[in-house]
Amino acid sequence: MAEMNMVPLIDVMLVLLVIFIVTAPLLSHSVRIELPQASSKSIEAAPDKIDLAIQSDGELLYNGTPVGRNTAQTLFAEAARKTPMPEVHIHADKHADYQYVAQTLSDASRAGLTTIGFITRPQKQ
């Protein structure tokens, strides 16, 4: 008879199936993690904002008051020490040289201010 005997193969497969069924729950273990708890309280104080306008000739207006570059650096350093740190909103004239904008950005970042944004006006259609 030239037929293959399948009974030993089925026996081996059943034994392996039983072994995997028994050992599978042992392989999955859980790790306890302490997750932080979220609170639904709102932030008490909203950060202040600094409106800084850069005119086309390079003149700086700090919250509407004309200031020099050295005075602006001092005011930036004072603002960086506040908690929460204020946001800097830069209104640059479209004809202002990039040099003035770059100097102002570097002064603000050197002082430690991290939230700096550009305020633009959309074009009218």
PDB file of N, CA and C in Angstrom:
ATOM      1  N   MET A   1       0.841  -1.158   0.000  1.00  0.00           N
ATOM      2  CA  MET A   1       0.000   0.000   0.000  1.00  0.00           C
ATOM      3  C   MET A   1       0.898   1.237   0.000  1.00  0.00           C
ATOM      4  N   ALA A   2       0.642   2.139  -0.896  1.00  0.00           N
ATOM      5  CA  ALA A   2       1.499   3.305  -1.052  1.00  0.00           C
ATOM      6  C   ALA A   2       0.820   4.574  -0.554  1.00  0.00           C
ATOM      7  N   GLU A   3      -0.007   4.505   0.454  1.00  0.00           N
ATOM      8  CA  GLU A   3      -0.664   5.683   0.986  1.00  0.00           C
ATOM      9  C   GLU A   3       0.102   6.231   2.190  1.00  0.00           C
ATOM     10  N   MET A   4       0.007   7.516   2.373  1.00  0.00           N
ATOM     11  CA  MET A   4       0.669   8.153   3.497  1.00  0.00           C
ATOM     12  C   MET A   4      -0.246   8.069   4.713  1.00  0.00           C
ATOM     13  N   ASN A   5       0.328   7.729   5.877  1.00  0.00           N
ATOM     14  CA  ASN A   5      -0.442   7.605   7.098  1.00  0.00           C
ATOM     15  C   ASN A   5      -0.513   8.981   7.763  1.00  0.00           C
ATOM     16  N   MET A   6      -1.713   9.574   7.881  1.00  0.00           N
ATOM     17  CA  MET A   6      -1.914  10.913   8.415  1.00  0.00           C
ATOM     18  C   MET A   6      -2.155  10.925   9.924  1.00  0.00           C
ATOM     19  N   VAL A   7      -2.395   9.815  10.553  1.00  0.00           N
ATOM     20  CA  VAL A   7      -2.738   9.765  11.974  1.00  0.00           C
ATOM     21  C   VAL A   7      -1.620  10.322  12.856  1.00  0.00           C
ATOM     22  N   PRO A   8      -0.338   9.950  12.665  1.00  0.00           N
ATOM     23  CA  PRO A   8       0.696  10.530  13.530  1.00  0.00           C
ATOM     24  C   PRO A   8       0.822  12.056  13.350  1.00  0.00           C
ATOM     25  N   LEU A   9       0.626  12.550  12.138  1.00  0.00           N
ATOM     26  CA  LEU A   9       0.704  13.987  11.886  1.00  0.00           C
ATOM     27  C   LEU A   9      -0.420  14.717  12.616  1.00  0.00           C
ATOM     28  N   ILE A  10      -1.623  14.172  12.591  1.00  0.00           N
ATOM     29  CA  ILE A  10      -2.755  14.785  13.286  1.00  0.00           C
ATOM     30  C   ILE A  10      -2.520  14.757  14.792  1.00  0.00           C
ATOM     31  N   ASP A  11      -1.956  13.670  15.317  1.00  0.00           N
ATOM     32  CA  ASP A  11      -1.661  13.585  16.748  1.00  0.00           C
ATOM     33  C   ASP A  11      -0.654  14.659  17.167  1.00  0.00           C
ATOM     34  N   VAL A  12       0.363  14.876  16.389  1.00  0.00           N
ATOM     35  CA  VAL A  12       1.366  15.888  16.700  1.00  0.00           C
ATOM     36  C   VAL A  12       0.739  17.276  16.662  1.00  0.00           C
ATOM     37  N   MET A  13      -0.112  17.539  15.674  1.00  0.00           N
ATOM     38  CA  MET A  13      -0.766  18.840  15.572  1.00  0.00           C
ATOM     39  C   MET A  13      -1.693  19.096  16.763  1.00  0.00           C
ATOM     40  N   LEU A  14      -2.416  18.086  17.222  1.00  0.00           N
ATOM     41  CA  LEU A  14      -3.295  18.246  18.372  1.00  0.00           C
ATOM     42  C   LEU A  14      -2.500  18.513  19.645  1.00  0.00           C
ATOM     43  N   VAL A  15      -1.370  17.840  19.809  1.00  0.00           N
ATOM     44  CA  VAL A  15      -0.528  18.076  20.978  1.00  0.00           C
ATOM     45  C   VAL A  15       0.018  19.509  20.954  1.00  0.00           C
ATOM     46  N   LEU A  16       0.466  19.980  19.801  1.00  0.00           N
ATOM     47  CA  LEU A  16       0.953  21.359  19.696  1.00  0.00           C
ATOM     48  C   LEU A  16      -0.162  22.363  19.966  1.00  0.00           C
ATOM     49  N   LEU A  17      -1.376  22.075  19.493  1.00  0.00           N
ATOM     50  CA  LEU A  17      -2.504  22.968  19.744  1.00  0.00           C
ATOM     51  C   LEU A  17      -2.803  23.069  21.232  1.00  0.00           C
ATOM     52  N   VAL A  18      -2.787  21.961  21.930  1.00  0.00           N
ATOM     53  CA  VAL A  18      -3.033  21.968  23.372  1.00  0.00           C
ATOM     54  C   VAL A  18      -1.931  22.740  24.092  1.00  0.00           C
ATOM     55  N   ILE A  19      -0.688  22.583  23.685  1.00  0.00           N
ATOM     56  CA  ILE A  19       0.430  23.298  24.309  1.00  0.00           C
ATOM     57  C   ILE A  19       0.272  24.799  24.111  1.00  0.00           C
ATOM     58  N   PHE A  20      -0.090  25.226  22.892  1.00  0.00           N
ATOM     59  CA  PHE A  20      -0.273  26.663  22.638  1.00  0.00           C
ATOM     60  C   PHE A  20      -1.466  27.234  23.404  1.00  0.00           C
ATOM     61  N   ILE A  21      -2.538  26.458  23.537  1.00  0.00           N
ATOM     62  CA  ILE A  21      -3.703  26.928  24.289  1.00  0.00           C
ATOM     63  C   ILE A  21      -3.354  27.120  25.761  1.00  0.00           C
ATOM     64  N   VAL A  22      -2.529  26.243  26.308  1.00  0.00           N
ATOM     65  CA  VAL A  22      -2.162  26.335  27.717  1.00  0.00           C
ATOM     66  C   VAL A  22      -1.164  27.463  27.959  1.00  0.00           C
ATOM     67  N   THR A  23      -0.200  27.651  27.065  1.00  0.00           N
ATOM     68  CA  THR A  23       0.856  28.634  27.316  1.00  0.00           C
ATOM     69  C   THR A  23       0.511  30.050  26.851  1.00  0.00           C
ATOM     70  N   ALA A  24      -0.462  30.227  25.980  1.00  0.00           N
ATOM     71  CA  ALA A  24      -0.791  31.560  25.467  1.00  0.00           C
ATOM     72  C   ALA A  24      -1.206  32.536  26.569  1.00  0.00           C
ATOM     73  N   PRO A  25      -2.042  32.167  27.519  1.00  0.00           N
ATOM     74  CA  PRO A  25      -2.382  33.130  28.576  1.00  0.00           C
ATOM     75  C   PRO A  25      -1.196  33.499  29.467  1.00  0.00           C
ATOM     76  N   LEU A  26      -0.214  32.645  29.561  1.00  0.00           N
ATOM     77  CA  LEU A  26       0.956  32.943  30.383  1.00  0.00           C
ATOM     78  C   LEU A  26       1.869  33.977  29.724  1.00  0.00           C
ATOM     79  N   LEU A  27       1.833  34.066  28.403  1.00  0.00           N
ATOM     80  CA  LEU A  27       2.717  34.985  27.688  1.00  0.00           C
ATOM     81  C   LEU A  27       2.228  36.430  27.734  1.00  0.00           C
ATOM     82  N   SER A  28       0.934  36.628  27.894  1.00  0.00           N
ATOM     83  CA  SER A  28       0.427  38.000  27.946  1.00  0.00           C
ATOM     84  C   SER A  28       0.338  38.445  29.404  1.00  0.00           C
ATOM     85  N   HIS A  29       1.165  39.383  29.765  1.00  0.00           N
ATOM     86  CA  HIS A  29       1.156  39.912  31.113  1.00  0.00           C
ATOM     87  C   HIS A  29       0.918  41.417  31.033  1.00  0.00           C
ATOM     88  N   SER A  30       0.361  41.979  32.052  1.00  0.00           N
ATOM     89  CA  SER A  30       0.046  43.405  32.039  1.00  0.00           C
ATOM     90  C   SER A  30       1.032  44.177  32.906  1.00  0.00           C
ATOM     91  N   VAL A  31       1.252  45.417  32.529  1.00  0.00           N
ATOM     92  CA  VAL A  31       2.138  46.298  33.270  1.00  0.00           C
ATOM     93  C   VAL A  31       1.282  47.417  33.842  1.00  0.00           C
ATOM     94  N   ARG A  32       1.412  47.681  35.130  1.00  0.00           N
ATOM     95  CA  ARG A  32       0.654  48.752  35.765  1.00  0.00           C
ATOM     96  C   ARG A  32       1.327  50.092  35.499  1.00  0.00           C
ATOM     97  N   ILE A  33       0.554  51.024  34.994  1.00  0.00           N
ATOM     98  CA  ILE A  33       1.066  52.353  34.689  1.00  0.00           C
ATOM     99  C   ILE A  33       0.208  53.370  35.427  1.00  0.00           C
ATOM    100  N   GLU A  34       0.874  54.276  36.114  1.00  0.00           N
ATOM    101  CA  GLU A  34       0.167  55.356  36.797  1.00  0.00           C
ATOM    102  C   GLU A  34       0.043  56.522  35.823  1.00  0.00           C
ATOM    103  N   LEU A  35      -1.141  56.730  35.272  1.00  0.00           N
ATOM    104  CA  LEU A  35      -1.368  57.813  34.331  1.00  0.00           C
ATOM    105  C   LEU A  35      -1.759  59.086  35.071  1.00  0.00           C
ATOM    106  N   PRO A  36      -1.374  60.233  34.554  1.00  0.00           N
ATOM    107  CA  PRO A  36      -1.766  61.480  35.215  1.00  0.00           C
ATOM    108  C   PRO A  36      -3.271  61.690  35.084  1.00  0.00           C
ATOM    109  N   GLN A  37      -3.837  62.313  36.084  1.00  0.00           N
ATOM    110  CA  GLN A  37      -5.271  62.585  36.087  1.00  0.00           C
ATOM    111  C   GLN A  37      -5.527  63.953  35.470  1.00  0.00           C
ATOM    112  N   ALA A  38      -6.472  64.012  34.569  1.00  0.00           N
ATOM    113  CA  ALA A  38      -6.823  65.274  33.923  1.00  0.00           C
ATOM    114  C   ALA A  38      -7.845  66.011  34.772  1.00  0.00           C
ATOM    115  N   SER A  39      -7.690  67.297  34.829  1.00  0.00           N
ATOM    116  CA  SER A  39      -8.657  68.101  35.565  1.00  0.00           C
ATOM    117  C   SER A  39      -9.452  68.943  34.569  1.00  0.00           C
ATOM    118  N   SER A  40     -10.658  69.242  34.930  1.00  0.00           N
ATOM    119  CA  SER A  40     -11.506  70.022  34.038  1.00  0.00           C
ATOM    120  C   SER A  40     -11.529  71.501  34.412  1.00  0.00           C
ATOM    121  N   LYS A  41     -10.596  71.921  35.265  1.00  0.00           N
ATOM    122  CA  LYS A  41     -10.524  73.330  35.637  1.00  0.00           C
ATOM    123  C   LYS A  41      -9.968  74.144  34.473  1.00  0.00           C
ATOM    124  N   SER A  42     -10.497  75.319  34.306  1.00  0.00           N
ATOM    125  CA  SER A  42      -9.975  76.192  33.271  1.00  0.00           C
ATOM    126  C   SER A  42      -8.765  76.950  33.812  1.00  0.00           C
ATOM    127  N   ILE A  43      -7.990  77.470  32.910  1.00  0.00           N
ATOM    128  CA  ILE A  43      -6.815  78.241  33.302  1.00  0.00           C
ATOM    129  C   ILE A  43      -7.298  79.548  33.912  1.00  0.00           C
ATOM    130  N   GLU A  44      -6.753  79.865  35.068  1.00  0.00           N
ATOM    131  CA  GLU A  44      -7.226  81.042  35.808  1.00  0.00           C
ATOM    132  C   GLU A  44      -6.899  82.344  35.081  1.00  0.00           C
ATOM    133  N   ALA A  45      -5.664  82.508  34.684  1.00  0.00           N
ATOM    134  CA  ALA A  45      -5.244  83.775  34.093  1.00  0.00           C
ATOM    135  C   ALA A  45      -4.780  83.551  32.657  1.00  0.00           C
ATOM    136  N   ALA A  46      -5.364  84.282  31.760  1.00  0.00           N
ATOM    137  CA  ALA A  46      -4.909  84.223  30.371  1.00  0.00           C
ATOM    138  C   ALA A  46      -3.638  85.043  30.252  1.00  0.00           C
ATOM    139  N   PRO A  47      -2.699  84.604  29.438  1.00  0.00           N
ATOM    140  CA  PRO A  47      -1.460  85.369  29.325  1.00  0.00           C
ATOM    141  C   PRO A  47      -1.704  86.731  28.675  1.00  0.00           C
ATOM    142  N   ASP A  48      -0.930  87.707  29.118  1.00  0.00           N
ATOM    143  CA  ASP A  48      -1.016  89.040  28.524  1.00  0.00           C
ATOM    144  C   ASP A  48      -0.479  88.972  27.098  1.00  0.00           C
ATOM    145  N   LYS A  49      -0.697  90.040  26.386  1.00  0.00           N
ATOM    146  CA  LYS A  49      -0.118  90.116  25.045  1.00  0.00           C
ATOM    147  C   LYS A  49       0.599  91.443  24.882  1.00  0.00           C
ATOM    148  N   ILE A  50       1.622  91.382  24.085  1.00  0.00           N
ATOM    149  CA  ILE A  50       2.413  92.576  23.772  1.00  0.00           C
ATOM    150  C   ILE A  50       2.191  92.862  22.294  1.00  0.00           C
ATOM    151  N   ASP A  51       1.607  94.010  22.008  1.00  0.00           N
ATOM    152  CA  ASP A  51       1.436  94.423  20.617  1.00  0.00           C
ATOM    153  C   ASP A  51       2.648  95.246  20.219  1.00  0.00           C
ATOM    154  N   LEU A  52       3.412  94.717  19.283  1.00  0.00           N
ATOM    155  CA  LEU A  52       4.624  95.394  18.838  1.00  0.00           C
ATOM    156  C   LEU A  52       4.464  95.717  17.356  1.00  0.00           C
ATOM    157  N   ALA A  53       4.422  97.002  17.039  1.00  0.00           N
ATOM    158  CA  ALA A  53       4.289  97.432  15.650  1.00  0.00           C
ATOM    159  C   ALA A  53       5.645  97.880  15.140  1.00  0.00           C
ATOM    160  N   ILE A  54       5.959  97.473  13.917  1.00  0.00           N
ATOM    161  CA  ILE A  54       7.210  97.883  13.271  1.00  0.00           C
ATOM    162  C   ILE A  54       6.817  98.739  12.075  1.00  0.00           C
ATOM    163  N   GLN A  55       7.188 100.015  12.120  1.00  0.00           N
ATOM    164  CA  GLN A  55       6.860 100.948  11.044  1.00  0.00           C
ATOM    165  C   GLN A  55       7.810 100.724   9.868  1.00  0.00           C
ATOM    166  N   SER A  56       7.497 101.342   8.748  1.00  0.00           N
ATOM    167  CA  SER A  56       8.322 101.155   7.548  1.00  0.00           C
ATOM    168  C   SER A  56       9.725 101.720   7.714  1.00  0.00           C
ATOM    169  N   ASP A  57       9.897 102.714   8.597  1.00  0.00           N
ATOM    170  CA  ASP A  57      11.220 103.298   8.818  1.00  0.00           C
ATOM    171  C   ASP A  57      11.978 102.594   9.949  1.00  0.00           C
ATOM    172  N   GLY A  58      11.410 101.546  10.522  1.00  0.00           N
ATOM    173  CA  GLY A  58      12.088 100.795  11.576  1.00  0.00           C
ATOM    174  C   GLY A  58      11.709 101.217  12.975  1.00  0.00           C
ATOM    175  N   GLU A  59      10.813 102.200  13.109  1.00  0.00           N
ATOM    176  CA  GLU A  59      10.392 102.650  14.434  1.00  0.00           C
ATOM    177  C   GLU A  59       9.525 101.569  15.091  1.00  0.00           C
ATOM    178  N   LEU A  60       9.740 101.340  16.386  1.00  0.00           N
ATOM    179  CA  LEU A  60       8.998 100.332  17.130  1.00  0.00           C
ATOM    180  C   LEU A  60       7.939 101.000  17.993  1.00  0.00           C
ATOM    181  N   LEU A  61       6.757 100.412  18.022  1.00  0.00           N
ATOM    182  CA  LEU A  61       5.678 100.864  18.893  1.00  0.00           C
ATOM    183  C   LEU A  61       5.342  99.702  19.829  1.00  0.00           C
ATOM    184  N   TYR A  62       5.678  99.856  21.097  1.00  0.00           N
ATOM    185  CA  TYR A  62       5.454  98.830  22.106  1.00  0.00           C
ATOM    186  C   TYR A  62       4.137  99.145  22.795  1.00  0.00           C
ATOM    187  N   ASN A  63       3.092  98.361  22.482  1.00  0.00           N
ATOM    188  CA  ASN A  63       1.731  98.619  22.986  1.00  0.00           C
ATOM    189  C   ASN A  63       1.287 100.052  22.689  1.00  0.00           C
ATOM    190  N   GLY A  64       1.633 100.530  21.496  1.00  0.00           N
ATOM    191  CA  GLY A  64       1.216 101.857  21.066  1.00  0.00           C
ATOM    192  C   GLY A  64       2.148 102.980  21.451  1.00  0.00           C
ATOM    193  N   THR A  65       3.190 102.698  22.250  1.00  0.00           N
ATOM    194  CA  THR A  65       4.119 103.720  22.696  1.00  0.00           C
ATOM    195  C   THR A  65       5.421 103.601  21.894  1.00  0.00           C
ATOM    196  N   PRO A  66       5.889 104.684  21.284  1.00  0.00           N
ATOM    197  CA  PRO A  66       7.162 104.604  20.547  1.00  0.00           C
ATOM    198  C   PRO A  66       8.335 104.338  21.493  1.00  0.00           C
ATOM    199  N   VAL A  67       9.148 103.350  21.145  1.00  0.00           N
ATOM    200  CA  VAL A  67      10.326 102.994  21.943  1.00  0.00           C
ATOM    201  C   VAL A  67      11.498 102.749  21.007  1.00  0.00           C
ATOM    202  N   GLY A  68      12.702 102.846  21.574  1.00  0.00           N
ATOM    203  CA  GLY A  68      13.906 102.506  20.835  1.00  0.00           C
ATOM    204  C   GLY A  68      14.199 101.019  20.974  1.00  0.00           C
ATOM    205  N   ARG A  69      15.189 100.556  20.223  1.00  0.00           N
ATOM    206  CA  ARG A  69      15.522  99.129  20.257  1.00  0.00           C
ATOM    207  C   ARG A  69      16.028  98.715  21.636  1.00  0.00           C
ATOM    208  N   ASN A  70      16.873  99.526  22.276  1.00  0.00           N
ATOM    209  CA  ASN A  70      17.400  99.183  23.598  1.00  0.00           C
ATOM    210  C   ASN A  70      16.286  99.122  24.638  1.00  0.00           C
ATOM    211  N   THR A  71      15.353 100.050  24.556  1.00  0.00           N
ATOM    212  CA  THR A  71      14.221 100.045  25.492  1.00  0.00           C
ATOM    213  C   THR A  71      13.352  98.814  25.259  1.00  0.00           C
ATOM    214  N   ALA A  72      13.153  98.443  23.992  1.00  0.00           N
ATOM    215  CA  ALA A  72      12.362  97.248  23.682  1.00  0.00           C
ATOM    216  C   ALA A  72      13.036  95.997  24.239  1.00  0.00           C
ATOM    217  N   GLN A  73      14.353  95.919  24.150  1.00  0.00           N
ATOM    218  CA  GLN A  73      15.067  94.768  24.713  1.00  0.00           C
ATOM    219  C   GLN A  73      14.843  94.676  26.217  1.00  0.00           C
ATOM    220  N   THR A  74      14.899  95.820  26.905  1.00  0.00           N
ATOM    221  CA  THR A  74      14.660  95.842  28.352  1.00  0.00           C
ATOM    222  C   THR A  74      13.232  95.419  28.675  1.00  0.00           C
ATOM    223  N   LEU A  75      12.274  95.924  27.909  1.00  0.00           N
ATOM    224  CA  LEU A  75      10.872  95.556  28.130  1.00  0.00           C
ATOM    225  C   LEU A  75      10.623  94.075  27.842  1.00  0.00           C
ATOM    226  N   PHE A  76      11.306  93.523  26.834  1.00  0.00           N
ATOM    227  CA  PHE A  76      11.193  92.093  26.542  1.00  0.00           C
ATOM    228  C   PHE A  76      11.719  91.265  27.713  1.00  0.00           C
ATOM    229  N   ALA A  77      12.849  91.682  28.276  1.00  0.00           N
ATOM    230  CA  ALA A  77      13.436  90.946  29.405  1.00  0.00           C
ATOM    231  C   ALA A  77      12.507  90.978  30.619  1.00  0.00           C
ATOM    232  N   GLU A  78      11.874  92.119  30.861  1.00  0.00           N
ATOM    233  CA  GLU A  78      10.930  92.215  31.979  1.00  0.00           C
ATOM    234  C   GLU A  78       9.706  91.340  31.733  1.00  0.00           C
ATOM    235  N   ALA A  79       9.228  91.319  30.501  1.00  0.00           N
ATOM    236  CA  ALA A  79       8.042  90.527  30.172  1.00  0.00           C
ATOM    237  C   ALA A  79       8.331  89.035  30.253  1.00  0.00           C
ATOM    238  N   ALA A  80       9.561  88.633  29.951  1.00  0.00           N
ATOM    239  CA  ALA A  80       9.907  87.204  29.987  1.00  0.00           C
ATOM    240  C   ALA A  80       9.920  86.656  31.406  1.00  0.00           C
ATOM    241  N   ARG A  81      10.073  87.523  32.398  1.00  0.00           N
ATOM    242  CA  ARG A  81      10.089  87.080  33.795  1.00  0.00           C
ATOM    243  C   ARG A  81       8.684  86.908  34.375  1.00  0.00           C
ATOM    244  N   LYS A  82       7.659  87.362  33.660  1.00  0.00           N
ATOM    245  CA  LYS A  82       6.288  87.259  34.160  1.00  0.00           C
ATOM    246  C   LYS A  82       5.774  85.829  34.038  1.00  0.00           C
ATOM    247  N   THR A  83       4.818  85.504  34.934  1.00  0.00           N
ATOM    248  CA  THR A  83       4.165  84.199  34.859  1.00  0.00           C
ATOM    249  C   THR A  83       2.677  84.432  34.800  1.00  0.00           C
ATOM    250  N   PRO A  84       1.967  83.982  33.824  1.00  0.00           N
ATOM    251  CA  PRO A  84       2.411  83.302  32.612  1.00  0.00           C
ATOM    252  C   PRO A  84       3.075  84.278  31.645  1.00  0.00           C
ATOM    253  N   MET A  85       3.944  83.731  30.819  1.00  0.00           N
ATOM    254  CA  MET A  85       4.706  84.558  29.891  1.00  0.00           C
ATOM    255  C   MET A  85       3.774  85.148  28.833  1.00  0.00           C
ATOM    256  N   PRO A  86       3.875  86.440  28.569  1.00  0.00           N
ATOM    257  CA  PRO A  86       2.974  87.061  27.585  1.00  0.00           C
ATOM    258  C   PRO A  86       3.309  86.652  26.152  1.00  0.00           C
ATOM    259  N   GLU A  87       2.317  86.784  25.301  1.00  0.00           N
ATOM    260  CA  GLU A  87       2.506  86.522  23.876  1.00  0.00           C
ATOM    261  C   GLU A  87       2.923  87.822  23.191  1.00  0.00           C
ATOM    262  N   VAL A  88       3.774  87.720  22.192  1.00  0.00           N
ATOM    263  CA  VAL A  88       4.207  88.889  21.424  1.00  0.00           C
ATOM    264  C   VAL A  88       3.506  88.842  20.076  1.00  0.00           C
ATOM    265  N   HIS A  89       2.730  89.874  19.772  1.00  0.00           N
ATOM    266  CA  HIS A  89       2.053  89.983  18.489  1.00  0.00           C
ATOM    267  C   HIS A  89       2.752  91.072  17.687  1.00  0.00           C
ATOM    268  N   ILE A  90       3.357  90.688  16.590  1.00  0.00           N
ATOM    269  CA  ILE A  90       4.123  91.624  15.772  1.00  0.00           C
ATOM    270  C   ILE A  90       3.270  92.074  14.586  1.00  0.00           C
ATOM    271  N   HIS A  91       3.077  93.378  14.495  1.00  0.00           N
ATOM    272  CA  HIS A  91       2.390  93.998  13.360  1.00  0.00           C
ATOM    273  C   HIS A  91       3.461  94.712  12.555  1.00  0.00           C
ATOM    274  N   ALA A  92       3.929  94.124  11.491  1.00  0.00           N
ATOM    275  CA  ALA A  92       4.986  94.740  10.687  1.00  0.00           C
ATOM    276  C   ALA A  92       4.373  95.397   9.453  1.00  0.00           C
ATOM    277  N   ASP A  93       4.800  96.615   9.179  1.00  0.00           N
ATOM    278  CA  ASP A  93       4.365  97.316   7.976  1.00  0.00           C
ATOM    279  C   ASP A  93       4.874  96.549   6.762  1.00  0.00           C
ATOM    280  N   LYS A  94       4.070  96.483   5.708  1.00  0.00           N
ATOM    281  CA  LYS A  94       4.491  95.693   4.550  1.00  0.00           C
ATOM    282  C   LYS A  94       5.670  96.320   3.810  1.00  0.00           C
ATOM    283  N   HIS A  95       5.958  97.574   4.086  1.00  0.00           N
ATOM    284  CA  HIS A  95       7.104  98.239   3.455  1.00  0.00           C
ATOM    285  C   HIS A  95       8.323  98.267   4.376  1.00  0.00           C
ATOM    286  N   ALA A  96       8.213  97.670   5.557  1.00  0.00           N
ATOM    287  CA  ALA A  96       9.349  97.649   6.492  1.00  0.00           C
ATOM    288  C   ALA A  96      10.400  96.665   5.987  1.00  0.00           C
ATOM    289  N   ASP A  97      11.656  97.028   6.173  1.00  0.00           N
ATOM    290  CA  ASP A  97      12.747  96.136   5.782  1.00  0.00           C
ATOM    291  C   ASP A  97      12.751  94.905   6.686  1.00  0.00           C
ATOM    292  N   TYR A  98      13.135  93.783   6.110  1.00  0.00           N
ATOM    293  CA  TYR A  98      13.201  92.540   6.878  1.00  0.00           C
ATOM    294  C   TYR A  98      14.232  92.644   8.010  1.00  0.00           C
ATOM    295  N   GLN A  99      15.217  93.490   7.850  1.00  0.00           N
ATOM    296  CA  GLN A  99      16.259  93.679   8.864  1.00  0.00           C
ATOM    297  C   GLN A  99      15.631  94.073  10.204  1.00  0.00           C
ATOM    298  N   TYR A 100      14.658  94.987  10.190  1.00  0.00           N
ATOM    299  CA  TYR A 100      14.018  95.432  11.429  1.00  0.00           C
ATOM    300  C   TYR A 100      13.207  94.308  12.072  1.00  0.00           C
ATOM    301  N   VAL A 101      12.529  93.540  11.249  1.00  0.00           N
ATOM    302  CA  VAL A 101      11.733  92.418  11.759  1.00  0.00           C
ATOM    303  C   VAL A 101      12.648  91.353  12.353  1.00  0.00           C
ATOM    304  N   ALA A 102      13.732  91.035  11.671  1.00  0.00           N
ATOM    305  CA  ALA A 102      14.667  90.016  12.161  1.00  0.00           C
ATOM    306  C   ALA A 102      15.327  90.458  13.458  1.00  0.00           C
ATOM    307  N   GLN A 103      15.708  91.737  13.552  1.00  0.00           N
ATOM    308  CA  GLN A 103      16.304  92.241  14.796  1.00  0.00           C
ATOM    309  C   GLN A 103      15.316  92.127  15.955  1.00  0.00           C
ATOM    310  N   THR A 104      14.065  92.478  15.703  1.00  0.00           N
ATOM    311  CA  THR A 104      13.045  92.408  16.752  1.00  0.00           C
ATOM    312  C   THR A 104      12.808  90.968  17.179  1.00  0.00           C
ATOM    313  N   LEU A 105      12.742  90.053  16.220  1.00  0.00           N
ATOM    314  CA  LEU A 105      12.575  88.630  16.552  1.00  0.00           C
ATOM    315  C   LEU A 105      13.736  88.105  17.382  1.00  0.00           C
ATOM    316  N   SER A 106      14.947  88.458  17.006  1.00  0.00           N
ATOM    317  CA  SER A 106      16.103  87.970  17.753  1.00  0.00           C
ATOM    318  C   SER A 106      16.157  88.591  19.143  1.00  0.00           C
ATOM    319  N   ASP A 107      15.769  89.860  19.273  1.00  0.00           N
ATOM    320  CA  ASP A 107      15.743  90.494  20.594  1.00  0.00           C
ATOM    321  C   ASP A 107      14.732  89.808  21.507  1.00  0.00           C
ATOM    322  N   ALA A 108      13.563  89.496  20.968  1.00  0.00           N
ATOM    323  CA  ALA A 108      12.518  88.849  21.773  1.00  0.00           C
ATOM    324  C   ALA A 108      12.928  87.434  22.172  1.00  0.00           C
ATOM    325  N   SER A 109      13.506  86.700  21.252  1.00  0.00           N
ATOM    326  CA  SER A 109      13.903  85.325  21.593  1.00  0.00           C
ATOM    327  C   SER A 109      15.101  85.297  22.537  1.00  0.00           C
ATOM    328  N   ARG A 110      16.028  86.238  22.398  1.00  0.00           N
ATOM    329  CA  ARG A 110      17.154  86.322  23.328  1.00  0.00           C
ATOM    330  C   ARG A 110      16.691  86.665  24.740  1.00  0.00           C
ATOM    331  N   ALA A 111      15.615  87.440  24.842  1.00  0.00           N
ATOM    332  CA  ALA A 111      15.082  87.808  26.161  1.00  0.00           C
ATOM    333  C   ALA A 111      14.385  86.628  26.826  1.00  0.00           C
ATOM    334  N   GLY A 112      14.012  85.616  26.031  1.00  0.00           N
ATOM    335  CA  GLY A 112      13.367  84.437  26.599  1.00  0.00           C
ATOM    336  C   GLY A 112      11.899  84.299  26.260  1.00  0.00           C
ATOM    337  N   LEU A 113      11.376  85.183  25.421  1.00  0.00           N
ATOM    338  CA  LEU A 113       9.977  85.076  25.013  1.00  0.00           C
ATOM    339  C   LEU A 113       9.839  83.972  23.971  1.00  0.00           C
ATOM    340  N   THR A 114       8.884  83.092  24.181  1.00  0.00           N
ATOM    341  CA  THR A 114       8.767  81.932  23.303  1.00  0.00           C
ATOM    342  C   THR A 114       7.545  81.961  22.402  1.00  0.00           C
ATOM    343  N   THR A 115       6.513  82.699  22.767  1.00  0.00           N
ATOM    344  CA  THR A 115       5.296  82.735  21.954  1.00  0.00           C
ATOM    345  C   THR A 115       5.260  84.043  21.185  1.00  0.00           C
ATOM    346  N   ILE A 116       5.687  83.962  19.925  1.00  0.00           N
ATOM    347  CA  ILE A 116       5.772  85.146  19.071  1.00  0.00           C
ATOM    348  C   ILE A 116       4.954  84.863  17.819  1.00  0.00           C
ATOM    349  N   GLY A 117       4.072  85.794  17.475  1.00  0.00           N
ATOM    350  CA  GLY A 117       3.242  85.597  16.293  1.00  0.00           C
ATOM    351  C   GLY A 117       3.172  86.845  15.449  1.00  0.00           C
ATOM    352  N   PHE A 118       2.901  86.643  14.166  1.00  0.00           N
ATOM    353  CA  PHE A 118       2.746  87.755  13.239  1.00  0.00           C
ATOM    354  C   PHE A 118       1.266  87.990  12.998  1.00  0.00           C
ATOM    355  N   ILE A 119       0.855  89.219  13.088  1.00  0.00           N
ATOM    356  CA  ILE A 119      -0.534  89.590  12.845  1.00  0.00           C
ATOM    357  C   ILE A 119      -0.600  90.205  11.449  1.00  0.00           C
ATOM    358  N   THR A 120      -1.450  89.653  10.606  1.00  0.00           N
ATOM    359  CA  THR A 120      -1.583  90.149   9.236  1.00  0.00           C
ATOM    360  C   THR A 120      -3.030  90.525   8.966  1.00  0.00           C
ATOM    361  N   ARG A 121      -3.226  91.290   7.958  1.00  0.00           N
ATOM    362  CA  ARG A 121      -4.566  91.643   7.512  1.00  0.00           C
ATOM    363  C   ARG A 121      -4.825  90.926   6.200  1.00  0.00           C
ATOM    364  N   PRO A 122      -5.988  90.294   6.068  1.00  0.00           N
ATOM    365  CA  PRO A 122      -6.282  89.626   4.793  1.00  0.00           C
ATOM    366  C   PRO A 122      -6.524  90.652   3.688  1.00  0.00           C
ATOM    367  N   GLN A 123      -6.221  90.250   2.476  1.00  0.00           N
ATOM    368  CA  GLN A 123      -6.429  91.147   1.350  1.00  0.00           C
ATOM    369  C   GLN A 123      -7.922  91.261   1.063  1.00  0.00           C
ATOM    370  N   LYS A 124      -8.355  92.461   0.717  1.00  0.00           N
ATOM    371  CA  LYS A 124      -9.760  92.666   0.360  1.00  0.00           C
ATOM    372  C   LYS A 124      -9.973  92.191  -1.071  1.00  0.00           C
ATOM    373  N   GLN A 125     -11.107  91.558  -1.267  1.00  0.00           N
ATOM    374  CA  GLN A 125     -11.388  91.033  -2.615  1.00  0.00           C
ATOM    375  C   GLN A 125     -12.352  91.887  -3.355  1.00  0.00           C
TER     376      GLN A 125
END
